């Protein structure tokens, strides 16, 4: 959750200092960043899980 907040805050800082207006494409871009971030977390958690069949 904290890392998603950092991504959102970085995106908001980029929006404030670089982009002049907020439109639907930029909001969808934020959702794409957050989705990719969450997918990376889930893949990493899955790959690091102990999947020993004897347990």
PDB file of N, CA and C in Angstrom:
ATOM      1  N   UNK A   1       0.827  -1.187   0.000  1.00  0.00           N
ATOM      2  CA  UNK A   1       0.000   0.000   0.000  1.00  0.00           C
ATOM      3  C   UNK A   1       0.874   1.254   0.000  1.00  0.00           C
ATOM      4  N   UNK A   2       1.934   1.220   0.784  1.00  0.00           N
ATOM      5  CA  UNK A   2       2.793   2.403   0.861  1.00  0.00           C
ATOM      6  C   UNK A   2       3.487   2.675  -0.470  1.00  0.00           C
ATOM      7  N   UNK A   3       3.909   1.630  -1.147  1.00  0.00           N
ATOM      8  CA  UNK A   3       4.583   1.855  -2.426  1.00  0.00           C
ATOM      9  C   UNK A   3       3.601   2.357  -3.485  1.00  0.00           C
ATOM     10  N   UNK A   4       2.358   1.927  -3.428  1.00  0.00           N
ATOM     11  CA  UNK A   4       1.348   2.457  -4.349  1.00  0.00           C
ATOM     12  C   UNK A   4       1.088   3.935  -4.071  1.00  0.00           C
ATOM     13  N   UNK A   5       1.132   4.315  -2.815  1.00  0.00           N
ATOM     14  CA  UNK A   5       0.984   5.727  -2.471  1.00  0.00           C
ATOM     15  C   UNK A   5       2.160   6.535  -3.013  1.00  0.00           C
ATOM     16  N   UNK A   6       3.365   5.972  -2.945  1.00  0.00           N
ATOM     17  CA  UNK A   6       4.526   6.671  -3.488  1.00  0.00           C
ATOM     18  C   UNK A   6       4.409   6.844  -5.002  1.00  0.00           C
ATOM     19  N   UNK A   7       3.926   5.820  -5.695  1.00  0.00           N
ATOM     20  CA  UNK A   7       3.719   5.931  -7.139  1.00  0.00           C
ATOM     21  C   UNK A   7       2.695   7.015  -7.435  1.00  0.00           C
ATOM     22  N   UNK A   8       1.623   7.046  -6.677  1.00  0.00           N
ATOM     23  CA  UNK A   8       0.583   8.055  -6.890  1.00  0.00           C
ATOM     24  C   UNK A   8       1.101   9.452  -6.595  1.00  0.00           C
ATOM     25  N   UNK A   9       1.857   9.616  -5.519  1.00  0.00           N
ATOM     26  CA  UNK A   9       2.400  10.931  -5.195  1.00  0.00           C
ATOM     27  C   UNK A   9       3.406  11.394  -6.242  1.00  0.00           C
ATOM     28  N   UNK A  10       4.211  10.476  -6.755  1.00  0.00           N
ATOM     29  CA  UNK A  10       5.155  10.834  -7.818  1.00  0.00           C
ATOM     30  C   UNK A  10       4.403  11.242  -9.075  1.00  0.00           C
ATOM     31  N   UNK A  11       3.332  10.530  -9.385  1.00  0.00           N
ATOM     32  CA  UNK A  11       2.534  10.878 -10.562  1.00  0.00           C
ATOM     33  C   UNK A  11       1.879  12.248 -10.384  1.00  0.00           C
ATOM     34  N   UNK A  12       1.362  12.513  -9.189  1.00  0.00           N
ATOM     35  CA  UNK A  12       0.745  13.812  -8.930  1.00  0.00           C
ATOM     36  C   UNK A  12       1.771  14.938  -9.012  1.00  0.00           C
ATOM     37  N   UNK A  13       2.982  14.704  -8.523  1.00  0.00           N
ATOM     38  CA  UNK A  13       4.034  15.715  -8.625  1.00  0.00           C
ATOM     39  C   UNK A  13       4.382  15.966 -10.092  1.00  0.00           C
ATOM     40  N   UNK A  14       4.446  14.906 -10.878  1.00  0.00           N
ATOM     41  CA  UNK A  14       4.706  15.062 -12.306  1.00  0.00           C
ATOM     42  C   UNK A  14       3.590  15.853 -12.970  1.00  0.00           C
ATOM     43  N   UNK A  15       2.362  15.572 -12.590  1.00  0.00           N
ATOM     44  CA  UNK A  15       1.219  16.275 -13.163  1.00  0.00           C
ATOM     45  C   UNK A  15       1.262  17.758 -12.812  1.00  0.00           C
ATOM     46  N   UNK A  16       1.589  18.075 -11.570  1.00  0.00           N
ATOM     47  CA  UNK A  16       1.595  19.472 -11.127  1.00  0.00           C
ATOM     48  C   UNK A  16       2.708  20.260 -11.810  1.00  0.00           C
ATOM     49  N   UNK A  17       3.898  19.666 -11.928  1.00  0.00           N
ATOM     50  CA  UNK A  17       5.045  20.423 -12.419  1.00  0.00           C
ATOM     51  C   UNK A  17       5.246  20.355 -13.928  1.00  0.00           C
ATOM     52  N   UNK A  18       4.681  19.374 -14.612  1.00  0.00           N
ATOM     53  CA  UNK A  18       4.956  19.204 -16.039  1.00  0.00           C
ATOM     54  C   UNK A  18       3.714  19.424 -16.892  1.00  0.00           C
ATOM     55  N   UNK A  19       2.622  18.749 -16.550  1.00  0.00           N
ATOM     56  CA  UNK A  19       1.435  18.814 -17.388  1.00  0.00           C
ATOM     57  C   UNK A  19       0.562  19.987 -16.989  1.00  0.00           C
ATOM     58  N   UNK A  20      -0.109  20.579 -17.950  1.00  0.00           N
ATOM     59  CA  UNK A  20      -0.931  21.762 -17.672  1.00  0.00           C
ATOM     60  C   UNK A  20      -2.364  21.395 -17.282  1.00  0.00           C
ATOM     61  N   UNK A  21      -2.905  20.330 -17.861  1.00  0.00           N
ATOM     62  CA  UNK A  21      -4.289  19.974 -17.572  1.00  0.00           C
ATOM     63  C   UNK A  21      -4.389  18.479 -17.248  1.00  0.00           C
ATOM     64  N   UNK A  22      -5.461  18.144 -16.593  1.00  0.00           N
ATOM     65  CA  UNK A  22      -5.726  16.758 -16.233  1.00  0.00           C
ATOM     66  C   UNK A  22      -6.848  16.256 -17.138  1.00  0.00           C
ATOM     67  N   UNK A  23      -6.564  15.207 -17.897  1.00  0.00           N
ATOM     68  CA  UNK A  23      -7.597  14.648 -18.753  1.00  0.00           C
ATOM     69  C   UNK A  23      -7.679  13.145 -18.534  1.00  0.00           C
ATOM     70  N   UNK A  24      -8.581  12.510 -19.242  1.00  0.00           N
ATOM     71  CA  UNK A  24      -8.845  11.082 -19.025  1.00  0.00           C
ATOM     72  C   UNK A  24      -7.636  10.217 -19.356  1.00  0.00           C
ATOM     73  N   UNK A  25      -6.840  10.617 -20.338  1.00  0.00           N
ATOM     74  CA  UNK A  25      -5.673   9.820 -20.725  1.00  0.00           C
ATOM     75  C   UNK A  25      -4.660   9.777 -19.578  1.00  0.00           C
ATOM     76  N   UNK A  26      -4.467  10.886 -18.911  1.00  0.00           N
ATOM     77  CA  UNK A  26      -3.501  10.929 -17.802  1.00  0.00           C
ATOM     78  C   UNK A  26      -4.001  10.123 -16.599  1.00  0.00           C
ATOM     79  N   UNK A  27      -5.296  10.147 -16.361  1.00  0.00           N
ATOM     80  CA  UNK A  27      -5.854   9.336 -15.268  1.00  0.00           C
ATOM     81  C   UNK A  27      -5.720   7.849 -15.602  1.00  0.00           C
ATOM     82  N   UNK A  28      -5.972   7.479 -16.859  1.00  0.00           N
ATOM     83  CA  UNK A  28      -5.786   6.083 -17.263  1.00  0.00           C
ATOM     84  C   UNK A  28      -4.319   5.676 -17.179  1.00  0.00           C
ATOM     85  N   UNK A  29      -3.423   6.604 -17.443  1.00  0.00           N
ATOM     86  CA  UNK A  29      -1.999   6.330 -17.306  1.00  0.00           C
ATOM     87  C   UNK A  29      -1.640   6.039 -15.852  1.00  0.00           C
ATOM     88  N   UNK A  30      -2.221   6.784 -14.921  1.00  0.00           N
ATOM     89  CA  UNK A  30      -1.998   6.503 -13.497  1.00  0.00           C
ATOM     90  C   UNK A  30      -2.499   5.111 -13.141  1.00  0.00           C
ATOM     91  N   UNK A  31      -3.688   4.752 -13.601  1.00  0.00           N
ATOM     92  CA  UNK A  31      -4.216   3.420 -13.321  1.00  0.00           C
ATOM     93  C   UNK A  31      -3.347   2.335 -13.950  1.00  0.00           C
ATOM     94  N   UNK A  32      -2.774   2.603 -15.110  1.00  0.00           N
ATOM     95  CA  UNK A  32      -1.870   1.638 -15.744  1.00  0.00           C
ATOM     96  C   UNK A  32      -0.607   1.458 -14.910  1.00  0.00           C
ATOM     97  N   UNK A  33      -0.042   2.557 -14.409  1.00  0.00           N
ATOM     98  CA  UNK A  33       1.136   2.460 -13.545  1.00  0.00           C
ATOM     99  C   UNK A  33       0.832   1.652 -12.289  1.00  0.00           C
ATOM    100  N   UNK A  34      -0.304   1.934 -11.667  1.00  0.00           N
ATOM    101  CA  UNK A  34      -0.660   1.224 -10.435  1.00  0.00           C
ATOM    102  C   UNK A  34      -0.947  -0.251 -10.703  1.00  0.00           C
ATOM    103  N   UNK A  35      -1.563  -0.560 -11.831  1.00  0.00           N
ATOM    104  CA  UNK A  35      -1.825  -1.953 -12.182  1.00  0.00           C
ATOM    105  C   UNK A  35      -0.530  -2.710 -12.423  1.00  0.00           C
ATOM    106  N   UNK A  36       0.401  -2.101 -13.147  1.00  0.00           N
ATOM    107  CA  UNK A  36       1.694  -2.742 -13.396  1.00  0.00           C
ATOM    108  C   UNK A  36       2.468  -2.923 -12.093  1.00  0.00           C
ATOM    109  N   UNK A  37       2.387  -1.950 -11.219  1.00  0.00           N
ATOM    110  CA  UNK A  37       3.055  -2.044  -9.923  1.00  0.00           C
ATOM    111  C   UNK A  37       2.485  -3.199  -9.096  1.00  0.00           C
ATOM    112  N   UNK A  38       1.184  -3.310  -9.047  1.00  0.00           N
ATOM    113  CA  UNK A  38       0.535  -4.387  -8.298  1.00  0.00           C
ATOM    114  C   UNK A  38       0.822  -5.749  -8.925  1.00  0.00           C
ATOM    115  N   UNK A  39       0.825  -5.826 -10.241  1.00  0.00           N
ATOM    116  CA  UNK A  39       1.122  -7.092 -10.918  1.00  0.00           C
ATOM    117  C   UNK A  39       2.546  -7.541 -10.619  1.00  0.00           C
ATOM    118  N   UNK A  40       3.476  -6.613 -10.597  1.00  0.00           N
ATOM    119  CA  UNK A  40       4.854  -6.957 -10.253  1.00  0.00           C
ATOM    120  C   UNK A  40       4.966  -7.472  -8.834  1.00  0.00           C
ATOM    121  N   UNK A  41       4.233  -6.869  -7.914  1.00  0.00           N
ATOM    122  CA  UNK A  41       4.231  -7.342  -6.531  1.00  0.00           C
ATOM    123  C   UNK A  41       3.657  -8.757  -6.443  1.00  0.00           C
ATOM    124  N   UNK A  42       2.559  -9.014  -7.132  1.00  0.00           N
ATOM    125  CA  UNK A  42       1.932 -10.330  -7.066  1.00  0.00           C
ATOM    126  C   UNK A  42       2.804 -11.408  -7.701  1.00  0.00           C
ATOM    127  N   UNK A  43       3.450 -11.102  -8.815  1.00  0.00           N
ATOM    128  CA  UNK A  43       4.344 -12.072  -9.447  1.00  0.00           C
ATOM    129  C   UNK A  43       5.530 -12.361  -8.533  1.00  0.00           C
ATOM    130  N   UNK A  44       6.096 -11.332  -7.934  1.00  0.00           N
ATOM    131  CA  UNK A  44       7.210 -11.526  -7.008  1.00  0.00           C
ATOM    132  C   UNK A  44       6.815 -12.344  -5.794  1.00  0.00           C
ATOM    133  N   UNK A  45       5.643 -12.103  -5.254  1.00  0.00           N
ATOM    134  CA  UNK A  45       5.173 -12.875  -4.103  1.00  0.00           C
ATOM    135  C   UNK A  45       4.922 -14.324  -4.491  1.00  0.00           C
ATOM    136  N   UNK A  46       4.409 -14.540  -5.680  1.00  0.00           N
ATOM    137  CA  UNK A  46       4.149 -15.899  -6.137  1.00  0.00           C
ATOM    138  C   UNK A  46       5.456 -16.659  -6.357  1.00  0.00           C
ATOM    139  N   UNK A  47       6.430 -16.005  -6.966  1.00  0.00           N
ATOM    140  CA  UNK A  47       7.697 -16.682  -7.249  1.00  0.00           C
ATOM    141  C   UNK A  47       8.518 -16.934  -5.994  1.00  0.00           C
ATOM    142  N   UNK A  48       8.342 -16.117  -4.974  1.00  0.00           N
ATOM    143  CA  UNK A  48       9.114 -16.309  -3.748  1.00  0.00           C
ATOM    144  C   UNK A  48       8.412 -17.220  -2.741  1.00  0.00           C
ATOM    145  N   UNK A  49       7.210 -17.662  -3.040  1.00  0.00           N
ATOM    146  CA  UNK A  49       6.455 -18.521  -2.120  1.00  0.00           C
ATOM    147  C   UNK A  49       7.073 -19.917  -2.078  1.00  0.00           C
ATOM    148  N   UNK A  50       7.026 -20.504  -0.925  1.00  0.00           N
ATOM    149  CA  UNK A  50       7.520 -21.866  -0.750  1.00  0.00           C
ATOM    150  C   UNK A  50       6.434 -22.835  -1.217  1.00  0.00           C
ATOM    151  N   UNK A  51       6.692 -23.531  -2.304  1.00  0.00           N
ATOM    152  CA  UNK A  51       5.688 -24.447  -2.877  1.00  0.00           C
ATOM    153  C   UNK A  51       6.173 -25.883  -2.780  1.00  0.00           C
ATOM    154  N   UNK A  52       6.647 -26.242  -1.611  1.00  0.00           N
ATOM    155  CA  UNK A  52       7.117 -27.588  -1.379  1.00  0.00           C
ATOM    156  C   UNK A  52       5.926 -28.545  -1.354  1.00  0.00           C
ATOM    157  N   UNK A  53       5.887 -29.557  -2.223  1.00  0.00           N
ATOM    158  CA  UNK A  53       4.716 -30.459  -2.280  1.00  0.00           C
ATOM    159  C   UNK A  53       4.592 -31.356  -1.040  1.00  0.00           C
ATOM    160  N   UNK A  54       5.632 -31.472  -0.237  1.00  0.00           N
ATOM    161  CA  UNK A  54       5.573 -32.316   0.973  1.00  0.00           C
ATOM    162  C   UNK A  54       4.909 -31.610   2.133  1.00  0.00           C
ATOM    163  N   UNK A  55       4.521 -30.388   2.001  1.00  0.00           N
ATOM    164  CA  UNK A  55       3.891 -29.655   3.111  1.00  0.00           C
ATOM    165  C   UNK A  55       2.406 -29.747   3.033  1.00  0.00           C
TER     166      UNK A  55
END
